[in-house]
C-alpha cells in the first residue's frame, strides 16, 4: 500500500533528514516509526501526504507515484492525526468530525451521519458529544475526535504523529486500547510516529527503528525485542527488552501444564482419594463439558459431599492468546503460582512461571531461526 524507494530528503543547509530510505507497508498493516528526536521519522511520514517533498527517490501509495498526484486531492484521501489534534474551536464536535467529507463534496446529512458513526466507533456518544465544542472536552476526548475526523472520509491510509503523546499515562493506555480495538474493525494502513518504544511495541504489526536518517531494523515487535539487528537497536529498545517482549508473546496451548482435575458432580471422597494417589494438594474443578468452575484443595474435600459444594472461585485466569505479560501480571496480583488459561469458558491448562519463561525463550529462538515456536526444542526449566 505504501512503498518508499531510495527516498532522500536533504535541506538547502546540507542537513540530511532521511537518506536512501526503502521499505514497504502492506495494506491493513500498522507500522510504528520509532526513534530519538531528529532522526527523520516525522519527515518520513510527512512525505506520504506531501507536506514535505523528497529530494530524490519515490513514494508510492497503492502503486501510484504521489509526485504525480495533486497534493490537495492526495491529502483528502489520507487521514492525518497530530498530537495537538487541531480541532476548529468555533465548530461543534460533529461538524469538526465531518470536515473532510464536506470538503470532498458529501451532502451535509451524509457527512454528519458518517461523523456520528465515527464518534461512536471511538467511544464518544454522538448525542452527548456531537453538539459540544472542543474546549468542553478533555484532552483524551479531543484526541479521540481527531482520530474520528481522520477516518471520516474512509481513507485507505492513516498517518499519526505522536497521537497519544500529549495526555496522561492512564488516558494514553485507554486511547491505545481503543485504537487497537478500532483498527481491528477498520483495518487501515497506518504509519504511526512515536518516540516511545513501549507504544511502538504495543501498537505495531511491524516496527521501523530509526538511527540518524536511516532505518536500523524493520521487523515485528517480537523480532526487534528478541533479536536486535545491531548494538544501536539493542541499546535503544533497552536492557529490559525481555520484559517488553512479554507484551508481544501470546500464550499458546503448547505452553501449558495439565494439573489434577476434579469434576463438579464428583464425590469429595473419590476426588480426595485421587489427589492423595497423585500426591497433589489441589485440583481444578470442571464440569462435564470441560468448562472451568474453580478449584478445590485436598484438605477441603474432607468435609464430604460433592466437589461442586466445596469449589472455590478461580481468580487467576487469562484467555488463550493473551500476552505473557498479562499472565505474569495476574500471577503477581493474586500471589499465584500459576494461572488458568481458558478458551471462552473451556479450560485448557495452567501456565506456571517456569512455563512462562520457556514460552518466552521459545519465542525468541523461533524468531531468530525463522521457524514456528512449536519447532523449537531445548531443555526445559520446568523439567529440571
Protein backbone atom coordinates (compact mmCIF):
# COMPACT_ATOMS: atom_id res chain seq x y z
CA UNK A 1 0.00 0.00 0.00
CA UNK A 2 2.86 2.43 0.87
CA UNK A 3 6.32 2.00 -0.64
CA UNK A 4 9.46 4.08 -0.25
CA UNK A 5 12.07 3.63 -2.98
CA UNK A 6 15.50 5.08 -2.16
CA UNK A 7 13.97 8.23 -0.70
CA UNK A 8 16.27 11.00 0.50
CA UNK A 9 15.39 14.38 1.97
CA UNK A 10 18.21 16.90 2.04
CA UNK A 11 17.70 20.54 3.04
CA UNK A 12 19.48 23.54 1.49
CA UNK A 13 21.80 23.89 4.52
CA UNK A 14 23.10 20.38 3.85
CA UNK A 15 21.13 18.61 6.59
CA UNK A 16 20.03 15.13 5.51
CA UNK A 17 16.81 14.20 7.29
CA UNK A 18 16.41 10.78 5.66
CA UNK A 19 18.94 9.03 3.47
CA UNK A 20 18.18 6.33 0.89
CA UNK A 21 15.06 5.07 2.65
CA UNK A 22 13.44 1.92 1.21
CA UNK A 23 10.66 -0.02 2.90
CA UNK A 24 7.08 -1.13 2.30
CA UNK A 25 3.90 -1.10 4.38
CA UNK A 26 1.33 -3.74 3.43
CA UNK A 27 -2.36 -3.00 3.11
CA UNK A 28 -4.08 -3.07 6.51
CA UNK A 29 -0.77 -3.07 8.37
CA UNK A 30 0.06 -0.77 11.29
CA UNK A 31 3.72 0.23 11.24
CA UNK A 32 5.26 2.28 14.03
CA UNK A 33 8.23 4.56 13.31
CA UNK A 34 10.27 4.90 16.48
CA UNK A 35 13.49 6.65 17.29
CA UNK A 36 15.03 9.65 19.07
CA UNK A 37 14.12 13.25 18.25
CA UNK A 38 15.53 14.46 14.95
CA UNK A 39 16.06 11.00 13.47
CA UNK A 40 13.77 11.53 10.45
CA UNK A 41 10.67 9.56 11.42
CA UNK A 42 8.25 12.52 11.19
CA UNK A 43 9.87 13.64 7.94
CA UNK A 44 9.26 10.14 6.56
CA UNK A 45 5.59 10.26 7.48
CA UNK A 46 5.04 13.78 6.13
CA UNK A 47 6.42 12.80 2.74
CA UNK A 48 3.49 10.39 2.34
CA UNK A 49 0.98 13.25 2.13
CA UNK A 50 3.47 15.65 0.51
CA UNK A 51 3.67 18.08 3.40
CA UNK A 52 7.38 17.53 2.78
CA UNK A 53 8.71 16.76 -0.70
CA UNK A 54 11.62 14.29 -1.10
CA UNK A 55 14.87 15.43 -2.67
CA UNK A 56 15.18 12.15 -4.53
CA UNK A 57 13.53 8.75 -4.74
CA UNK A 58 9.84 7.87 -4.97
CA UNK A 59 6.95 7.39 -2.58
CA UNK A 60 4.09 5.25 -3.88
CA UNK A 61 0.63 4.86 -2.38
CA UNK A 62 -1.44 1.98 -3.75
CA UNK A 63 1.04 1.68 -6.63
CA UNK A 64 0.77 5.35 -7.65
CA UNK A 65 3.74 7.74 -7.55
CA UNK A 66 2.38 10.51 -5.33
CA UNK A 67 4.62 13.12 -7.03
CA UNK A 68 2.17 12.92 -9.95
CA UNK A 69 -0.91 13.43 -7.75
CA UNK A 70 -2.38 16.82 -6.88
CA UNK A 71 -1.33 17.31 -3.22
CA UNK A 72 -4.73 18.62 -2.09
CA UNK A 73 -6.53 15.66 -3.64
CA UNK A 74 -3.92 13.33 -2.13
CA UNK A 75 -4.36 14.73 1.39
CA UNK A 76 -8.11 14.41 1.27
CA UNK A 77 -7.78 10.65 0.86
CA UNK A 78 -5.15 10.23 3.59
CA UNK A 79 -6.21 10.57 7.23
CA UNK A 80 -3.87 12.65 9.40
CA UNK A 81 -3.77 12.74 13.21
CA UNK A 82 -1.39 15.00 15.11
CA UNK A 83 -0.54 15.25 18.80
CA UNK A 84 -2.37 18.52 19.46
CA UNK A 85 -5.39 17.40 17.39
CA UNK A 86 -6.01 20.75 15.64
CA UNK A 87 -9.80 20.89 16.02
CA UNK A 88 -11.61 24.04 14.90
CA UNK A 89 -12.62 25.78 18.16
CA UNK A 90 -15.68 27.51 16.67
CA UNK A 91 -17.25 24.33 15.27
CA UNK A 92 -19.10 21.58 17.13
CA UNK A 93 -17.53 18.17 17.55
CA UNK A 94 -19.93 16.69 14.99
CA UNK A 95 -19.05 19.36 12.41
CA UNK A 96 -15.33 19.02 13.17
CA UNK A 97 -15.56 15.31 12.50
CA UNK A 98 -17.48 15.90 9.26
CA UNK A 99 -14.87 18.33 7.89
CA UNK A 100 -13.20 16.18 5.23
CA UNK A 101 -16.39 14.52 3.87
CA UNK A 102 -17.84 18.02 3.48
CA UNK A 103 -14.71 19.24 1.66
CA UNK A 104 -14.81 16.36 -0.82
CA UNK A 105 -18.44 17.09 -1.70
CA UNK A 106 -20.57 14.87 0.51
CA UNK A 107 -24.05 16.18 1.24
CA UNK A 108 -24.34 17.66 4.75
CA UNK A 109 -26.71 14.97 6.05
CA UNK A 110 -24.47 12.16 4.82
CA UNK A 111 -21.33 13.80 6.23
CA UNK A 112 -22.92 14.32 9.64
CA UNK A 113 -24.28 10.76 9.71
CA UNK A 114 -20.77 9.47 8.96
CA UNK A 115 -19.37 11.73 11.68
CA UNK A 116 -21.85 10.35 14.22
CA UNK A 117 -20.92 6.80 13.24
CA UNK A 118 -17.20 7.53 13.73
CA UNK A 119 -17.70 9.25 17.08
CA UNK A 120 -19.50 6.15 18.28
CA UNK A 121 -16.64 4.00 16.96
CA UNK A 122 -14.07 5.89 19.05
CA UNK A 123 -16.21 5.62 22.17
CA UNK A 124 -17.93 9.02 22.19
CA UNK A 125 -21.74 9.07 22.19
CA UNK A 126 -22.63 11.41 19.28
CA UNK A 127 -25.80 12.58 21.03
CA UNK A 128 -23.79 13.64 24.06
CA UNK A 129 -20.57 14.89 22.49
CA UNK A 130 -21.67 15.90 18.96
CA UNK A 131 -23.19 19.28 19.99
CA UNK A 132 -20.24 20.22 22.23
CA UNK A 133 -17.24 22.36 21.32
CA UNK A 134 -13.57 21.34 21.65
CA UNK A 135 -12.97 23.38 24.82
CA UNK A 136 -15.73 21.38 26.53
CA UNK A 137 -13.81 18.09 26.11
CA UNK A 138 -10.86 16.60 27.95
CA UNK A 139 -7.54 16.11 26.19
CA UNK A 140 -8.20 12.41 25.72
CA UNK A 141 -11.66 13.07 24.31
CA UNK A 142 -10.27 15.63 21.85
CA UNK A 143 -7.69 13.08 20.73
CA UNK A 144 -10.47 10.59 20.02
CA UNK A 145 -12.24 13.23 17.94
CA UNK A 146 -9.02 13.75 16.00
CA UNK A 147 -8.91 10.05 15.13
CA UNK A 148 -12.60 10.06 14.16
CA UNK A 149 -12.10 13.10 11.93
CA UNK A 150 -9.15 11.44 10.18
CA UNK A 151 -11.30 8.40 9.40
CA UNK A 152 -14.45 10.27 8.38
CA UNK A 153 -13.97 10.09 4.59
CA UNK A 154 -12.93 6.42 4.88
CA UNK A 155 -9.30 6.93 3.75
CA UNK A 156 -7.25 3.82 2.97
CA UNK A 157 -4.16 5.33 4.67
CA UNK A 158 -3.88 6.89 8.13
CA UNK A 159 -0.86 8.94 9.29
CA UNK A 160 -0.46 9.51 13.03
CA UNK A 161 2.20 11.79 14.52
CA UNK A 162 2.66 11.18 18.27
CA UNK A 163 -1.13 10.87 18.55
CA UNK A 164 -1.22 9.91 22.24
CA UNK A 165 1.80 11.84 23.49
CA UNK A 166 0.01 14.86 24.97
CA UNK A 167 -2.15 13.01 27.53
CA UNK A 168 -1.50 11.44 30.91
CA UNK A 169 -0.31 7.79 31.13
CA UNK A 170 -3.67 6.36 32.19
CA UNK A 171 -5.53 8.12 29.38
CA UNK A 172 -2.79 7.11 26.94
CA UNK A 173 -3.27 3.43 27.81
CA UNK A 174 -7.03 3.79 27.33
CA UNK A 175 -6.58 5.54 23.97
CA UNK A 176 -4.16 2.87 22.80
CA UNK A 177 -6.62 0.13 23.77
CA UNK A 178 -9.43 1.94 21.98
CA UNK A 179 -7.33 2.48 18.88
CA UNK A 180 -6.31 -1.19 18.70
CA UNK A 181 -9.96 -2.18 19.00
CA UNK A 182 -10.89 0.27 16.26
CA UNK A 183 -8.03 -0.83 13.99
CA UNK A 184 -9.17 -4.44 14.32
CA UNK A 185 -12.55 -3.31 12.98
CA UNK A 186 -11.49 -0.95 10.17
CA UNK A 187 -8.01 -2.31 9.16
CA UNK A 188 -6.49 0.88 7.80
CA UNK A 189 -2.92 1.07 6.54
CA UNK A 190 -1.26 3.10 9.30
CA UNK A 191 2.06 4.86 9.79
CA UNK A 192 2.37 5.94 13.43
CA UNK A 193 5.28 8.04 14.67
CA UNK A 194 6.35 7.71 18.30
CA UNK A 195 9.46 8.14 20.42
CA UNK A 196 8.18 5.57 22.94
CA UNK A 197 9.39 2.01 22.32
CA UNK A 198 6.67 0.64 24.65
CA UNK A 199 4.00 2.28 22.49
CA UNK A 200 5.70 1.10 19.29
CA UNK A 201 5.76 -2.48 20.56
CA UNK A 202 2.20 -2.42 21.81
CA UNK A 203 0.62 -0.97 18.67
CA UNK A 204 2.75 -2.01 15.73
CA UNK A 205 2.41 -5.02 13.46
CA UNK A 206 5.94 -4.04 12.46
CA UNK A 207 8.40 -1.51 13.85
CA UNK A 208 10.89 0.68 12.00
CA UNK A 209 13.68 1.59 14.43
CA UNK A 210 15.41 4.75 13.23
CA UNK A 211 19.02 5.75 13.65
CA UNK A 212 20.05 9.07 12.11
CA UNK A 213 18.06 9.29 8.90
CA UNK A 214 18.11 5.54 8.34
CA UNK A 215 16.12 2.53 9.46
CA UNK A 216 18.35 0.31 11.58
CA UNK A 217 15.82 -2.52 11.84
CA UNK A 218 12.40 -3.14 10.28
CA UNK A 219 10.68 -6.18 11.72
CA UNK A 220 7.95 -7.47 14.01
CA UNK A 221 7.93 -6.24 17.62
CA UNK A 222 8.94 -9.70 18.81
CA UNK A 223 11.94 -9.83 16.49
CA UNK A 224 13.10 -6.32 17.37
CA UNK A 225 12.96 -7.13 21.08
CA UNK A 226 14.26 -10.68 20.81
CA UNK A 227 16.95 -10.33 18.16
CA UNK A 228 18.08 -6.70 17.78
CA UNK A 229 19.86 -6.20 14.47
CA UNK A 230 22.67 -4.07 15.91
CA UNK A 231 24.11 -2.79 19.19
CA UNK A 232 22.34 0.51 18.48
CA UNK A 233 18.92 -1.22 18.32
CA UNK A 234 19.69 -3.26 21.42
CA UNK A 235 20.58 -0.10 23.35
CA UNK A 236 17.56 1.77 22.04
CA UNK A 237 15.00 -0.88 22.97
CA UNK A 238 16.62 -1.21 26.40
CA UNK A 239 18.21 -3.80 28.64
CA UNK A 240 14.70 -4.79 29.80
CA UNK A 241 13.69 -5.84 26.28
CA UNK A 242 12.98 -9.35 27.60
CA UNK A 243 10.28 -7.91 29.85
CA UNK A 244 8.94 -5.79 26.97
CA UNK A 245 8.75 -8.92 24.84
CA UNK A 246 6.30 -10.44 27.33
CA UNK A 247 3.72 -7.97 25.99
CA UNK A 248 4.02 -9.26 22.38
CA UNK A 249 4.34 -13.00 23.04
CA UNK A 250 0.98 -14.74 23.08
CA UNK A 251 0.06 -17.71 25.26
CA UNK A 252 -0.30 -20.86 23.18
CA UNK A 253 -1.81 -24.22 24.23
CA UNK A 254 1.61 -25.91 23.97
CA UNK A 255 2.87 -23.61 26.76
CA UNK A 256 0.54 -25.14 29.34
CA UNK A 257 0.75 -27.84 32.01
CA UNK A 258 -2.13 -30.14 32.90
CA UNK A 259 -2.93 -30.12 36.64
CA UNK A 260 -5.09 -32.60 38.54
CA UNK A 261 -8.80 -32.30 37.70
CA UNK A 262 -11.92 -32.86 39.81
CA UNK A 263 -15.40 -32.96 38.30
CA UNK A 264 -18.21 -30.77 39.53
CA UNK A 265 -20.56 -33.66 40.30
CA UNK A 266 -17.87 -35.97 41.70
CA UNK A 267 -18.00 -37.07 45.33
CA UNK A 268 -15.50 -35.34 47.62
CA UNK A 269 -14.23 -38.70 48.90
CA UNK A 270 -13.44 -40.00 45.44
CA UNK A 271 -11.70 -36.78 44.44
CA UNK A 272 -9.68 -36.76 47.67
CA UNK A 273 -8.52 -40.35 47.11
CA UNK A 274 -7.33 -39.49 43.61
CA UNK A 275 -5.45 -36.42 44.79
CA UNK A 276 -3.72 -38.46 47.50
CA UNK A 277 -2.69 -41.06 44.93
CA UNK A 278 -1.24 -38.32 42.72
CA UNK A 279 0.43 -36.52 45.64
CA UNK A 280 -1.48 -33.36 44.74
CA UNK A 281 -2.67 -30.64 47.11
CA UNK A 282 -5.33 -29.12 44.85
CA UNK A 283 -7.28 -29.66 41.64
CA UNK A 284 -9.10 -27.50 39.12
CA UNK A 285 -12.84 -28.13 39.03
CA UNK A 286 -14.50 -28.69 35.65
CA UNK A 287 -18.00 -29.63 34.55
CA UNK A 288 -18.80 -32.43 32.10
CA UNK A 289 -18.14 -30.11 29.13
CA UNK A 290 -14.67 -29.19 30.39
CA UNK A 291 -15.63 -25.66 31.42
CA UNK A 292 -13.84 -24.19 34.43
CA UNK A 293 -15.77 -23.70 37.67
CA UNK A 294 -12.93 -23.05 40.12
CA UNK A 295 -10.55 -25.04 42.28
CA UNK A 296 -10.64 -27.24 45.35
CA UNK A 297 -7.97 -28.06 47.93
CA UNK A 298 -7.27 -31.61 49.10
CA UNK A 299 -7.83 -30.61 52.75
CA UNK A 300 -11.22 -29.07 51.94
CA UNK A 301 -12.50 -32.33 50.47
CA UNK A 302 -12.58 -33.86 53.94
CA UNK A 303 -15.88 -32.02 54.54
CA UNK A 304 -17.66 -34.58 52.36
CA UNK A 305 -20.49 -34.03 49.89
CA UNK A 306 -19.74 -33.25 46.25
CA UNK A 307 -16.89 -31.28 44.72
CA UNK A 308 -19.41 -28.74 43.46
CA UNK A 309 -20.39 -27.91 47.03
CA UNK A 310 -16.77 -27.21 48.00
CA UNK A 311 -15.45 -25.40 44.94
CA UNK A 312 -13.67 -22.04 45.30
CA UNK A 313 -13.85 -19.27 42.74
CA UNK A 314 -10.86 -19.12 40.36
CA UNK A 315 -9.45 -15.58 40.37
CA UNK A 316 -6.20 -16.13 38.50
CA UNK A 317 -7.04 -16.84 34.86
CA UNK A 318 -6.40 -15.41 31.38
CA UNK A 319 -7.70 -16.23 27.88
CA UNK A 320 -5.57 -18.22 25.46
CA UNK A 321 -3.78 -15.86 23.09
CA UNK A 322 -3.36 -13.21 25.77
CA UNK A 323 0.18 -11.83 26.12
CA UNK A 324 2.54 -13.43 28.62
CA UNK A 325 2.73 -10.02 30.32
CA UNK A 326 -0.97 -10.27 31.22
CA UNK A 327 -0.46 -13.72 32.75
CA UNK A 328 2.57 -12.51 34.70
CA UNK A 329 0.56 -9.56 36.00
CA UNK A 330 -2.27 -11.84 37.16
CA UNK A 331 0.24 -14.08 38.97
CA UNK A 332 1.63 -11.08 40.85
CA UNK A 333 -1.78 -9.55 41.55
CA UNK A 334 -3.13 -12.73 43.15
CA UNK A 335 0.20 -14.03 44.52
CA UNK A 336 -0.44 -17.19 42.49
CA UNK A 337 1.99 -19.88 41.41
CA UNK A 338 0.10 -20.35 38.15
CA UNK A 339 -2.80 -19.03 36.13
CA UNK A 340 -5.56 -20.98 34.43
CA UNK A 341 -5.81 -20.50 30.67
CA UNK A 342 -9.26 -20.58 29.05
CA UNK A 343 -10.75 -20.69 25.58
CA UNK A 344 -14.04 -18.97 26.38
CA UNK A 345 -15.07 -20.92 29.49
CA UNK A 346 -13.28 -24.10 28.36
CA UNK A 347 -10.25 -25.00 30.46
CA UNK A 348 -7.02 -25.63 28.51
CA UNK A 349 -4.39 -25.91 31.23
CA UNK A 350 -2.29 -23.77 33.56
CA UNK A 351 0.67 -21.51 32.89
CA UNK A 352 3.38 -21.66 35.55
CA UNK A 353 6.35 -19.28 35.95
CA UNK A 354 8.67 -21.93 34.52
CA UNK A 355 6.43 -22.47 31.50
CA UNK A 356 6.11 -18.71 31.03
CA UNK A 357 9.90 -18.44 30.88
CA UNK A 358 10.05 -21.37 28.48
CA UNK A 359 7.44 -19.78 26.20
CA UNK A 360 9.47 -16.57 26.08
CA UNK A 361 12.67 -18.47 25.24
CA UNK A 362 10.93 -20.45 22.53
CA UNK A 363 9.51 -17.28 21.01
CA UNK A 364 12.92 -15.58 20.87
CA UNK A 365 14.59 -18.67 19.39
CA UNK A 366 11.79 -19.14 16.86
CA UNK A 367 12.20 -15.59 15.57
CA UNK A 368 15.96 -15.97 15.40
CA UNK A 369 15.66 -19.19 13.36
CA UNK A 370 12.64 -18.14 11.31
CA UNK A 371 10.53 -21.12 12.46
CA UNK A 372 7.32 -21.69 14.42
CA UNK A 373 7.53 -21.79 18.22
CA UNK A 374 6.49 -25.43 18.25
CA UNK A 375 9.61 -26.37 16.27
CA UNK A 376 11.99 -25.03 18.92
CA UNK A 377 13.33 -27.64 21.33
CA UNK A 378 15.59 -27.19 24.34
CA UNK A 379 15.95 -28.45 27.89
CA UNK A 380 13.02 -27.06 29.83
CA UNK A 381 13.38 -25.41 33.21
CA UNK A 382 10.04 -26.99 34.08
CA UNK A 383 11.51 -30.46 33.53
CA UNK A 384 14.67 -29.84 35.56
